[in-house]
Amino acid sequence: MMGNEKAQDDGGLTALVMQCAFAVIAGQKTVTISTTGKRPSGFPRCELLSVGTDGSHNYAVCPIKAMAWIHSRTTRKTPNA
């Protein structure tokens, strides 16, 4: 990185968006995601594929629904002027 630039930690949302975007372009019906702990509130329904020995859970989720969930969490609500 250069000068004043700082890395922004978005909790992995950017990586998930990219994974979902590539899946949609490729025509895939699901993407596989891994998480530890519970799924976040409102996250779309998905199929549990496996549970790792470290407590991680692997899910198959519809990439379009995952992107819609991310969009709903990241859009700013602006008041009507």
Protein backbone atom coordinates (compact mmCIF):
# COMPACT_ATOMS: atom_id res chain seq x y z
CA MET A 1 0.00 0.00 0.00
CA MET A 2 1.05 3.55 -0.52
CA GLY A 3 1.06 6.59 1.73
CA ASN A 4 -2.28 7.36 3.37
CA GLU A 5 -4.18 4.36 2.04
CA LYS A 6 -5.63 2.11 4.73
CA ALA A 7 -7.00 -1.37 4.31
CA GLN A 8 -10.70 -1.49 5.12
CA ASP A 9 -11.96 -4.57 6.88
CA ASP A 10 -15.47 -5.22 5.61
CA GLY A 11 -15.88 -8.58 7.30
CA GLY A 12 -15.40 -10.46 4.05
CA LEU A 13 -18.35 -8.91 2.24
CA THR A 14 -16.25 -7.83 -0.74
CA ALA A 15 -14.92 -11.36 -1.21
CA LEU A 16 -18.45 -12.76 -0.94
CA VAL A 17 -19.76 -10.27 -3.51
CA MET A 18 -16.98 -11.19 -5.93
CA GLN A 19 -17.57 -14.92 -5.43
CA CYS A 20 -21.31 -14.45 -6.03
CA ALA A 21 -20.77 -12.22 -9.07
CA PHE A 22 -18.48 -14.78 -10.70
CA ALA A 23 -21.00 -17.54 -9.94
CA VAL A 24 -23.83 -15.58 -11.56
CA ILE A 25 -21.71 -14.89 -14.64
CA ALA A 26 -20.80 -18.58 -14.88
CA GLY A 27 -24.43 -19.61 -14.48
CA GLN A 28 -23.92 -21.48 -11.22
CA LYS A 29 -27.01 -22.07 -9.08
CA THR A 30 -25.12 -21.96 -5.75
CA VAL A 31 -21.86 -20.84 -4.18
CA THR A 32 -20.18 -22.53 -1.24
CA ILE A 33 -19.42 -20.32 1.74
CA SER A 34 -17.73 -21.10 5.04
CA THR A 35 -18.45 -19.45 8.35
CA THR A 36 -17.82 -19.99 12.02
CA GLY A 37 -20.63 -19.63 14.49
CA LYS A 38 -24.18 -18.78 13.51
CA ARG A 39 -25.22 -17.24 10.22
CA PRO A 40 -25.90 -13.50 10.43
CA SER A 41 -29.44 -12.30 11.00
CA GLY A 42 -31.51 -12.27 7.83
CA PHE A 43 -29.01 -14.26 5.79
CA PRO A 44 -30.83 -16.25 3.09
CA ARG A 45 -31.70 -19.89 3.63
CA CYS A 46 -29.01 -22.24 2.49
CA GLU A 47 -28.08 -25.89 2.50
CA LEU A 48 -25.67 -27.09 5.19
CA LEU A 49 -22.97 -29.08 3.43
CA SER A 50 -20.63 -29.93 6.29
CA VAL A 51 -19.39 -29.00 9.74
CA GLY A 52 -15.64 -28.86 10.28
CA THR A 53 -13.78 -30.02 13.35
CA ASP A 54 -12.86 -26.39 14.05
CA GLY A 55 -16.54 -25.37 14.24
CA SER A 56 -16.74 -23.99 10.72
CA HIS A 57 -19.90 -24.57 8.72
CA ASN A 58 -19.99 -24.91 4.94
CA TYR A 59 -23.16 -23.84 3.16
CA ALA A 60 -24.46 -23.79 -0.41
CA VAL A 61 -26.37 -20.56 -1.02
CA CYS A 62 -27.99 -18.89 -4.02
CA PRO A 63 -25.56 -16.16 -5.14
CA ILE A 64 -28.32 -13.75 -6.12
CA LYS A 65 -30.01 -14.01 -2.72
CA ALA A 66 -26.67 -13.57 -0.97
CA MET A 67 -25.97 -10.42 -3.01
CA ALA A 68 -29.45 -9.08 -2.22
CA TRP A 69 -28.78 -9.65 1.49
CA ILE A 70 -25.46 -7.78 1.24
CA HIS A 71 -27.15 -4.94 -0.63
CA SER A 72 -29.83 -4.61 2.05
CA ARG A 73 -27.14 -4.40 4.76
CA THR A 74 -24.90 -1.92 3.00
CA THR A 75 -27.25 0.61 1.40
CA ARG A 76 -27.64 3.87 3.19
CA LYS A 77 -31.05 5.09 4.04
CA THR A 78 -31.38 8.70 2.96
CA PRO A 79 -34.18 10.91 4.30
CA ASN A 80 -36.57 12.40 1.80
CA ALA A 81 -35.57 15.98 1.10
